[in-house]
Amino acid sequence: MTFLGDGLGGVIGGAGFTSAAARPASSVTLSGPALNALAVATERWDPDNVHDPGVPSRFTIPPACRVHAWAAVRVPGTGVAGVTFIRVQVGVSGTAVAEYTADRETVTEIEITAVAVAVLAAGQYLQALAGCDAASTPATTVPAQPDERAPELMAELSSFTGTQLRANADQSLPASTLTAIALQVSVFDDGGWGNTGTGKITVPATARYLVTGRAQWAATNDGGGTLLGIQINGAGALFFDYEVTVDTSGFPLGMTFMLVLALSANDTVALLGDPQTAAALSVIVANGVGAQLTVERDTATGTHAYQSGTVSTTSGTLTAIALNNELWDDGNWHDNATNNTRITVPTTGRYRVMARANWAANTAGYRACYVRKNGTDYVLGKATKPNPNGSVTSMSISGLVDCIAGDYLELVTLQTSGIALNIDGSGGNYAVCLQVETAP
């Protein structure tokens, strides 16, 4: 099997492309488990004309380059128990590069995003694809949204120096055990940071790094879940995402994340998995997608604001989370005390936005995490079922947001447990956070 990026030299740069975003003009119907290309016919922005209205499902990137790409969908839940799921994928000229899968039974809404760091040869194209339950289930409609929310396809040029390692074989991980995932192949390595023997990436300098991870789990439906995150220097764990296992008619369970980390020179980063299942579960190579870790030196200007304690949230109520601390704030975009739910951007342009939320243990209802612009426009989001194992539920979101000078962004959460439930930031400065930084 050929993987995107093998032999392409990890090209960075790519004059002629900066970023693009587009979304469907009307609702899209998914008819079964096979992936359907989303016709993202309405452009949100496309300064470099990589989107052709005549081929509305594609961004065709003229130069060879590296990109960050996001594909997102938002669909109603089924409201009933049963085998039912939704999957979204980033594809490059017919090759999968990232996928996210979620269980949508018994909940009212599901919103998920797959994020990828991909190497494109000249003239290759990006697509957003989506699939759903088995063909015997009623067709699923992906409704077009009136604002900037999913469904959509977004992409930007990555000019950061970095390294990407990937797995080339299935790996069985023991149940309920933190395990480093072996990454045996270097896709690109600009500075010799990667070690395919250990599967770890060692950063060369004290700086900020954009960290992106993905994994595909074998299909299962044992009532458990899967955790995906990273480990720094071989100790502890930062779990960026949790997802409930679901019978996907043989399709793998895809997960992805993206977050900026402040690291010290010679820190090592490993991709970590924890199947919270009754038995061991394999991280697999399937549909062209295997486990992968990308670490890039992030030179963008931005802010990381976080909540260091707990915030009580009311069931069924959208709550903007107070961010009472900063890990960095290059341009004074955030204040720890005054309007501390907000990060205010200083100039008009596109911004790369990442957020993470962490809920106290509870198995009822569903959890949602959003980025809201100017108090009304929900521009990024995720909504899925909570952890069924009596542990915390973690989720992360990322994407591109178009802003004008003075716009402000907030981390907003929603839970439907039926009781008051804490957002818990006591696990460190990445547990509950909002990151906003300049983008191409």
Protein backbone atom coordinates (compact mmCIF):
# COMPACT_ATOMS: atom_id res chain seq x y z
CA MET A 1 0.00 0.00 0.00
CA THR A 2 1.34 3.46 -0.88
CA PHE A 3 1.02 6.17 1.74
CA LEU A 4 0.76 9.81 0.88
CA GLY A 5 4.08 11.56 1.42
CA ASP A 6 6.34 8.51 0.99
CA GLY A 7 9.09 9.53 -1.38
CA LEU A 8 7.85 13.11 -1.78
CA GLY A 9 10.55 14.60 0.42
CA GLY A 10 8.18 16.37 2.77
CA VAL A 11 8.00 19.51 0.63
CA ILE A 12 7.39 22.72 2.54
CA GLY A 13 6.58 26.10 1.08
CA GLY A 14 4.43 26.06 -2.00
CA ALA A 15 4.13 29.54 -3.51
CA GLY A 16 0.65 30.08 -4.85
CA PHE A 17 -1.34 28.61 -1.97
CA THR A 18 -2.18 30.11 1.42
CA SER A 19 -5.53 28.74 2.62
CA ALA A 20 -9.10 27.97 1.57
CA ALA A 21 -12.42 26.99 3.11
CA ALA A 22 -15.71 25.89 1.55
CA ARG A 23 -18.97 24.31 2.64
CA PRO A 24 -22.04 22.71 1.02
CA ALA A 25 -24.64 25.05 -0.44
CA SER A 26 -27.44 22.70 0.61
CA SER A 27 -28.00 19.56 2.65
CA VAL A 28 -26.08 16.42 1.69
CA THR A 29 -27.54 12.90 1.95
CA LEU A 30 -25.30 10.00 2.99
CA SER A 31 -26.74 6.69 1.83
CA GLY A 32 -24.59 4.09 3.55
CA PRO A 33 -21.25 3.07 4.99
CA ALA A 34 -19.28 3.92 1.84
CA LEU A 35 -17.67 7.35 1.96
CA ASN A 36 -19.37 10.12 -0.01
CA ALA A 37 -17.47 13.18 -1.25
CA LEU A 38 -19.06 16.33 0.18
CA ALA A 39 -19.83 18.89 -2.51
CA VAL A 40 -18.45 21.97 -0.76
CA ALA A 41 -19.80 24.33 -3.40
CA THR A 42 -19.93 27.54 -1.33
CA GLU A 43 -16.57 29.20 -0.79
CA ARG A 44 -15.91 30.89 2.54
CA TRP A 45 -12.57 32.10 1.25
CA ASP A 46 -10.29 31.04 -1.60
CA PRO A 47 -7.72 33.74 -2.44
CA ASP A 48 -5.63 31.36 -4.57
CA ASN A 49 -8.47 29.80 -6.60
CA VAL A 50 -7.81 26.20 -5.55
CA HIS A 51 -11.55 25.47 -5.47
CA ASP A 52 -13.31 24.93 -8.79
CA PRO A 53 -17.12 25.39 -8.67
CA GLY A 54 -17.28 22.93 -11.57
CA VAL A 55 -15.71 20.23 -9.34
CA PRO A 56 -17.15 21.40 -6.03
CA SER A 57 -15.84 18.58 -3.85
CA ARG A 58 -12.13 19.40 -4.36
CA PHE A 59 -9.35 21.82 -3.50
CA THR A 60 -6.68 21.30 -6.19
CA ILE A 61 -3.35 22.62 -4.92
CA PRO A 62 -1.04 23.64 -7.81
CA PRO A 63 2.40 23.47 -6.11
CA ALA A 64 3.94 20.62 -4.16
CA CYS A 65 3.57 21.53 -0.49
CA ARG A 66 2.59 20.46 3.02
CA VAL A 67 -0.84 21.39 4.30
CA HIS A 68 -2.99 21.26 7.40
CA ALA A 69 -6.46 20.09 6.38
CA TRP A 70 -9.76 19.69 8.23
CA ALA A 71 -12.97 17.91 7.19
CA ALA A 72 -16.02 18.36 9.42
CA VAL A 73 -19.62 17.15 9.55
CA ARG A 74 -22.54 17.85 11.85
CA VAL A 75 -25.59 15.57 11.86
CA PRO A 76 -28.57 14.79 14.07
CA GLY A 77 -28.22 11.89 16.47
CA THR A 78 -30.60 8.97 16.11
CA GLY A 79 -32.08 9.28 19.60
CA VAL A 80 -32.34 5.49 19.87
CA ALA A 81 -30.04 2.58 20.68
CA GLY A 82 -28.62 0.47 17.89
CA VAL A 83 -25.74 0.14 15.46
CA THR A 84 -25.32 3.67 14.20
CA PHE A 85 -22.27 5.79 13.48
CA ILE A 86 -20.91 8.71 11.46
CA ARG A 87 -17.44 9.01 9.93
CA VAL A 88 -15.61 11.89 8.25
CA GLN A 89 -12.37 11.70 6.31
CA VAL A 90 -9.74 13.95 4.73
CA GLY A 91 -8.68 12.50 1.39
CA VAL A 92 -5.90 13.45 -1.02
CA SER A 93 -6.43 12.38 -4.65
CA GLY A 94 -8.18 9.22 -3.53
CA THR A 95 -5.89 8.38 -0.59
CA ALA A 96 -7.16 8.71 2.97
CA VAL A 97 -4.97 10.79 5.29
CA ALA A 98 -7.17 11.13 8.40
CA GLU A 99 -10.53 9.91 9.67
CA TYR A 100 -12.77 10.49 12.67
CA THR A 101 -15.61 8.13 13.68
CA ALA A 102 -18.29 8.63 16.35
CA ASP A 103 -21.27 6.79 17.82
CA ARG A 104 -24.47 8.77 17.29
CA GLU A 105 -27.05 6.59 19.03
CA THR A 106 -29.22 7.96 21.87
CA VAL A 107 -27.95 11.54 21.48
CA THR A 108 -29.48 14.57 19.76
CA GLU A 109 -26.47 15.89 17.81
CA ILE A 110 -23.07 14.73 16.60
CA GLU A 111 -20.33 17.03 15.30
CA ILE A 112 -16.86 15.72 14.47
CA THR A 113 -13.75 16.87 12.61
CA ALA A 114 -10.81 14.98 11.11
CA VAL A 115 -7.52 16.93 10.96
CA ALA A 116 -4.45 15.96 8.94
CA VAL A 117 -0.95 17.15 8.11
CA ALA A 118 -0.49 15.98 4.51
CA VAL A 119 2.22 16.17 1.87
CA LEU A 120 0.83 16.98 -1.57
CA ALA A 121 2.51 16.49 -4.91
CA ALA A 122 1.86 19.20 -7.48
CA GLY A 123 -1.73 19.12 -8.73
CA GLN A 124 -3.09 16.76 -6.08
CA TYR A 125 -6.46 17.58 -4.55
CA LEU A 126 -8.03 17.60 -1.09
CA GLN A 127 -11.52 16.27 -0.38
CA ALA A 128 -13.89 16.01 2.55
CA LEU A 129 -15.70 12.67 2.64
CA ALA A 130 -18.37 11.32 4.97
CA GLY A 131 -20.12 8.02 5.62
CA CYS A 132 -22.68 6.69 8.04
CA ASP A 133 -24.54 3.54 9.15
CA ALA A 134 -24.94 0.36 7.15
CA ALA A 135 -26.90 0.62 3.90
CA SER A 136 -29.96 -0.92 5.55
CA THR A 137 -30.34 2.08 7.85
CA PRO A 138 -32.32 5.11 6.68
CA ALA A 139 -30.26 7.67 4.79
CA THR A 140 -28.58 10.32 6.92
CA THR A 141 -28.81 13.99 6.02
CA VAL A 142 -25.91 16.34 6.67
CA PRO A 143 -27.75 19.65 6.95
CA ALA A 144 -26.21 22.82 5.58
CA GLN A 145 -25.73 25.39 8.34
CA PRO A 146 -26.62 29.09 8.35
CA ASP A 147 -23.30 30.15 9.89
CA GLU A 148 -19.64 29.08 9.71
CA ARG A 149 -20.16 25.64 11.25
CA ALA A 150 -19.65 22.19 9.76
CA PRO A 151 -19.99 20.62 7.27
CA GLU A 152 -16.94 22.07 5.57
CA LEU A 153 -13.47 21.51 4.17
CA MET A 154 -10.62 23.76 5.30
CA ALA A 155 -6.92 23.79 4.40
CA GLU A 156 -3.85 25.97 4.91
CA LEU A 157 -0.23 25.92 3.82
CA SER A 158 2.18 24.63 6.46
CA SER A 159 5.53 26.41 6.27
CA PHE A 160 6.68 25.09 9.66
CA THR A 161 9.77 22.91 10.03
CA GLY A 162 8.87 19.51 11.43
CA THR A 163 8.78 15.73 11.47
CA GLN A 164 6.09 13.15 10.76
CA LEU A 165 6.31 9.48 11.75
CA ARG A 166 3.72 6.81 10.96
CA ALA A 167 2.98 3.18 11.74
CA ASN A 168 3.26 0.57 9.01
CA ALA A 169 1.65 -2.36 10.83
CA ASP A 170 -1.23 -3.19 13.15
CA GLN A 171 -0.43 -3.12 16.89
CA SER A 172 -2.40 -4.74 19.70
CA LEU A 173 -2.61 -2.47 22.77
CA PRO A 174 -3.49 -3.95 26.18
CA ALA A 175 -6.79 -2.88 27.70
CA SER A 176 -6.81 0.03 30.15
CA THR A 177 -3.07 0.54 29.81
CA LEU A 178 -1.18 3.64 28.65
CA THR A 179 0.88 2.41 25.69
CA ALA A 180 3.22 4.20 23.31
CA ILE A 181 2.27 3.43 19.70
CA ALA A 182 5.18 2.26 17.54
CA LEU A 183 5.85 4.52 14.53
CA GLN A 184 8.28 2.79 12.21
CA VAL A 185 8.31 5.02 9.11
CA SER A 186 9.48 8.59 8.56
CA VAL A 187 7.16 10.47 6.17
CA PHE A 188 9.17 13.70 6.41
CA ASP A 189 11.90 14.88 8.77
CA ASP A 190 13.29 18.35 8.14
CA GLY A 191 15.78 18.39 11.01
CA GLY A 192 16.45 14.79 11.99
CA TRP A 193 14.06 14.93 14.97
CA GLY A 194 12.41 11.54 14.43
CA ASN A 195 13.53 8.11 15.58
CA THR A 196 11.79 5.24 13.85
CA GLY A 197 13.35 2.79 16.29
CA THR A 198 11.69 4.34 19.34
CA GLY A 199 8.77 5.96 17.47
CA LYS A 200 9.54 9.24 19.26
CA ILE A 201 10.23 12.78 18.06
CA THR A 202 12.85 14.87 19.91
CA VAL A 203 12.47 18.64 19.60
CA PRO A 204 15.69 20.62 19.09
CA ALA A 205 14.95 23.84 20.98
CA THR A 206 12.79 25.39 23.65
CA ALA A 207 9.83 26.70 21.68
CA ARG A 208 6.19 26.09 20.82
CA TYR A 209 5.29 23.11 18.67
CA LEU A 210 2.13 22.24 16.75
CA VAL A 211 1.41 18.58 17.54
CA THR A 212 -1.01 16.54 15.42
CA GLY A 213 -1.91 12.90 15.97
CA ARG A 214 -4.16 10.28 14.47
CA ALA A 215 -4.98 6.60 14.97
CA GLN A 216 -7.38 3.99 13.61
CA TRP A 217 -8.74 1.40 16.04
CA ALA A 218 -10.16 -1.98 15.09
CA ALA A 219 -13.96 -2.05 14.97
CA THR A 220 -15.53 -3.15 18.25
CA ASN A 221 -18.65 -2.51 20.30
CA ASP A 222 -17.93 -3.66 23.83
CA GLY A 223 -19.34 -0.59 25.56
CA GLY A 224 -15.95 0.93 26.25
CA GLY A 225 -13.94 3.66 24.60
CA THR A 226 -10.55 4.75 23.29
CA LEU A 227 -8.16 7.49 24.38
CA LEU A 228 -5.57 9.11 22.13
CA GLY A 229 -2.90 11.58 23.21
CA ILE A 230 0.81 12.05 23.73
CA GLN A 231 3.52 11.42 26.30
CA ILE A 232 6.39 13.81 27.00
CA ASN A 233 9.77 12.40 28.05
CA GLY A 234 8.32 8.96 28.71
CA ALA A 235 6.24 9.97 31.73
CA GLY A 236 2.61 10.86 32.36
CA ALA A 237 0.11 11.46 29.61
CA LEU A 238 -1.76 14.26 27.88
CA PHE A 239 -4.98 12.82 26.49
CA PHE A 240 -6.46 15.07 23.87
CA ASP A 241 -9.44 13.01 22.79
CA TYR A 242 -11.82 10.28 23.92
CA GLU A 243 -14.31 8.40 21.81
CA VAL A 244 -16.87 5.69 22.58
CA THR A 245 -16.43 2.39 20.75
CA VAL A 246 -19.23 1.51 18.35
CA ASP A 247 -20.00 -1.32 15.96
CA THR A 248 -19.06 0.28 12.63
CA SER A 249 -19.93 -2.62 10.34
CA GLY A 250 -16.25 -3.46 10.03
CA PHE A 251 -14.99 0.08 9.50
CA PRO A 252 -12.21 1.23 11.83
CA LEU A 253 -12.67 3.81 14.59
CA GLY A 254 -10.76 6.92 13.51
CA MET A 255 -9.47 9.62 15.88
CA THR A 256 -7.40 12.79 15.35
CA PHE A 257 -6.23 15.81 17.36
CA MET A 258 -4.20 19.03 17.00
CA LEU A 259 -2.85 21.26 19.78
CA VAL A 260 0.10 23.61 20.38
CA LEU A 261 2.51 22.62 23.18
CA ALA A 262 5.29 24.59 24.87
CA LEU A 263 8.27 22.22 24.95
CA SER A 264 11.88 22.38 26.13
CA ALA A 265 14.97 21.50 24.14
CA ASN A 266 15.46 17.71 23.85
CA ASP A 267 11.94 16.87 25.04
CA THR A 268 10.69 13.67 23.43
CA VAL A 269 7.12 13.27 22.16
CA ALA A 270 5.41 9.90 21.70
CA LEU A 271 1.92 9.01 20.48
CA LEU A 272 -0.04 7.30 23.24
CA GLY A 273 -3.13 5.09 23.13
CA ASP A 274 -5.32 3.60 25.84
CA PRO A 275 -8.17 1.26 24.83
CA GLN A 276 -10.58 1.37 27.76
CA THR A 277 -12.17 -1.85 26.58
CA ALA A 278 -12.80 -5.30 28.05
CA ALA A 279 -9.92 -6.81 26.05
CA ALA A 280 -6.89 -5.68 24.08
CA LEU A 281 -7.67 -3.57 21.02
CA SER A 282 -5.51 -3.04 17.95
CA VAL A 283 -4.40 0.24 16.41
CA ILE A 284 -4.55 -0.65 12.74
CA VAL A 285 -3.53 0.42 9.26
CA ALA A 286 -6.76 0.59 7.26
CA ASN A 287 -8.20 2.52 4.31
CA GLY A 288 -4.79 4.08 3.77
CA VAL A 289 -4.73 5.53 7.30
CA GLY A 290 -2.45 4.38 10.11
CA ALA A 291 -1.30 5.84 13.41
CA GLN A 292 0.71 8.99 12.86
CA LEU A 293 2.42 11.75 14.86
CA THR A 294 3.50 15.13 13.47
CA VAL A 295 5.49 17.73 15.42
CA GLU A 296 6.15 21.13 13.80
CA ARG A 297 7.92 24.17 15.22
CA ASP A 298 5.17 26.76 15.55
CA THR A 299 6.36 30.28 14.76
CA ALA A 300 2.90 31.91 14.66
CA THR A 301 1.91 34.77 16.96
CA GLY A 302 -0.83 33.78 19.36
CA THR A 303 -2.31 33.15 22.79
CA HIS A 304 -2.91 30.13 25.00
CA ALA A 305 -5.41 30.81 27.80
CA TYR A 306 -6.64 28.13 30.19
CA GLN A 307 -8.81 27.37 33.23
CA SER A 308 -6.76 26.09 36.16
CA GLY A 309 -9.65 25.00 38.39
CA THR A 310 -13.23 23.82 37.96
CA VAL A 311 -16.28 25.50 36.46
CA SER A 312 -19.76 24.18 37.28
CA THR A 313 -21.99 23.93 34.21
CA THR A 314 -25.78 23.54 34.13
CA SER A 315 -27.25 20.67 32.13
CA GLY A 316 -28.63 21.84 28.78
CA THR A 317 -27.06 25.31 29.04
CA LEU A 318 -24.29 26.67 26.82
CA THR A 319 -21.49 27.93 29.09
CA ALA A 320 -18.60 30.21 28.09
CA ILE A 321 -15.62 29.01 30.15
CA ALA A 322 -13.63 31.53 32.18
CA LEU A 323 -9.92 31.29 31.31
CA ASN A 324 -8.09 32.55 34.38
CA ASN A 325 -4.48 31.86 33.32
CA GLU A 326 -2.21 32.17 30.31
CA LEU A 327 0.64 29.95 29.18
CA TRP A 328 1.60 32.49 26.53
CA ASP A 329 0.06 35.70 25.16
CA ASP A 330 2.28 37.30 22.51
CA GLY A 331 0.11 40.32 21.76
CA ASN A 332 -2.03 40.81 24.89
CA TRP A 333 -5.08 39.29 23.20
CA HIS A 334 -6.43 37.96 26.52
CA ASP A 335 -6.93 39.28 30.06
CA ASN A 336 -7.01 36.87 33.01
CA ALA A 337 -9.61 38.93 34.90
CA THR A 338 -11.58 41.22 32.57
CA ASN A 339 -13.82 39.41 30.06
CA ASN A 340 -11.62 36.39 30.67
CA THR A 341 -13.72 34.07 28.53
CA ARG A 342 -12.46 35.98 25.48
CA ILE A 343 -9.43 36.05 23.21
CA THR A 344 -9.67 39.16 21.01
CA VAL A 345 -7.83 39.20 17.68
CA PRO A 346 -6.00 42.41 16.74
CA THR A 347 -6.11 42.28 12.94
CA THR A 348 -8.33 41.07 10.11
CA GLY A 349 -7.35 37.67 8.74
CA ARG A 350 -7.47 33.94 9.28
CA TYR A 351 -6.61 32.33 12.60
CA ARG A 352 -5.75 28.75 13.53
CA VAL A 353 -7.85 27.91 16.58
CA MET A 354 -7.57 24.93 18.93
CA ALA A 355 -9.49 24.15 22.11
CA ARG A 356 -9.79 21.39 24.67
CA ALA A 357 -12.35 20.58 27.37
CA ASN A 358 -12.40 18.05 30.19
CA TRP A 359 -15.59 17.00 32.02
CA ALA A 360 -15.99 15.28 35.37
CA ALA A 361 -17.07 11.62 35.20
CA ASN A 362 -20.72 11.07 34.24
CA THR A 363 -22.25 8.69 31.69
CA ALA A 364 -25.57 10.42 30.90
CA GLY A 365 -26.44 12.60 27.89
CA TYR A 366 -23.77 13.97 25.58
CA ARG A 367 -20.94 16.51 25.68
CA ALA A 368 -20.18 19.34 23.28
CA CYS A 369 -17.30 21.75 22.93
CA TYR A 370 -17.48 24.83 20.68
CA VAL A 371 -15.50 27.87 19.64
CA ARG A 372 -17.87 30.85 19.50
CA LYS A 373 -17.19 34.15 17.72
CA ASN A 374 -18.58 37.45 19.04
CA GLY A 375 -21.04 35.73 21.36
CA THR A 376 -23.29 34.31 18.62
CA ASP A 377 -21.48 32.47 15.82
CA TYR A 378 -20.42 28.90 16.61
CA VAL A 379 -17.52 28.51 14.19
CA LEU A 380 -15.97 25.20 15.35
CA GLY A 381 -17.41 22.36 17.37
CA LYS A 382 -17.53 18.78 18.51
CA ALA A 383 -20.41 16.87 20.10
CA THR A 384 -20.24 13.18 21.09
CA LYS A 385 -21.21 10.69 23.78
CA PRO A 386 -19.42 10.78 27.16
CA ASN A 387 -17.02 8.24 28.62
CA PRO A 388 -19.11 5.22 29.76
CA ASN A 389 -16.38 3.87 32.07
CA GLY A 390 -16.81 6.20 35.03
CA SER A 391 -13.85 8.39 34.03
CA VAL A 392 -13.51 11.93 32.75
CA THR A 393 -14.48 12.80 29.17
CA SER A 394 -11.89 14.74 27.15
CA MET A 395 -12.28 16.29 23.71
CA SER A 396 -10.36 18.66 21.49
CA ILE A 397 -11.29 20.69 18.42
CA SER A 398 -9.33 22.67 15.84
CA GLY A 399 -9.77 24.54 12.59
CA LEU A 400 -9.47 27.85 10.79
CA VAL A 401 -11.58 30.90 11.65
CA ASP A 402 -11.98 34.03 9.53
CA CYS A 403 -11.97 37.18 11.70
CA ILE A 404 -11.95 40.94 11.45
CA ALA A 405 -10.01 43.13 13.86
CA GLY A 406 -11.72 43.22 17.26
CA ASP A 407 -13.56 39.90 16.93
CA TYR A 408 -13.38 37.75 20.04
CA LEU A 409 -13.41 33.98 20.41
CA GLU A 410 -14.60 31.90 23.37
CA LEU A 411 -14.51 28.29 24.51
CA VAL A 412 -18.15 27.24 25.06
CA THR A 413 -19.30 23.89 26.42
CA LEU A 414 -22.59 22.03 26.66
CA GLN A 415 -23.54 18.93 28.63
CA THR A 416 -26.88 17.15 28.95
CA SER A 417 -26.25 14.87 31.92
CA GLY A 418 -29.36 16.12 33.75
CA ILE A 419 -27.31 17.50 36.66
CA ALA A 420 -24.71 20.21 37.25
CA LEU A 421 -21.34 18.96 36.00
CA ASN A 422 -17.85 20.39 36.38
CA ILE A 423 -15.51 21.37 33.61
CA ASP A 424 -12.25 20.33 35.25
CA GLY A 425 -9.02 22.16 34.51
CA SER A 426 -7.10 20.79 37.48
CA GLY A 427 -5.22 18.33 35.24
CA GLY A 428 -2.83 21.03 34.00
CA ASN A 429 -2.64 23.97 31.63
CA TYR A 430 -3.80 21.95 28.61
CA ALA A 431 -6.84 20.29 30.24
CA VAL A 432 -9.27 23.16 29.55
CA CYS A 433 -7.83 25.71 27.15
CA LEU A 434 -8.32 27.91 24.09
CA GLN A 435 -5.49 28.63 21.64
CA VAL A 436 -5.68 31.28 18.91
CA GLU A 437 -2.83 32.08 16.52
CA THR A 438 -2.24 33.71 13.17
CA ALA A 439 -2.66 31.54 10.06
CA PRO A 440 -1.78 32.02 6.35
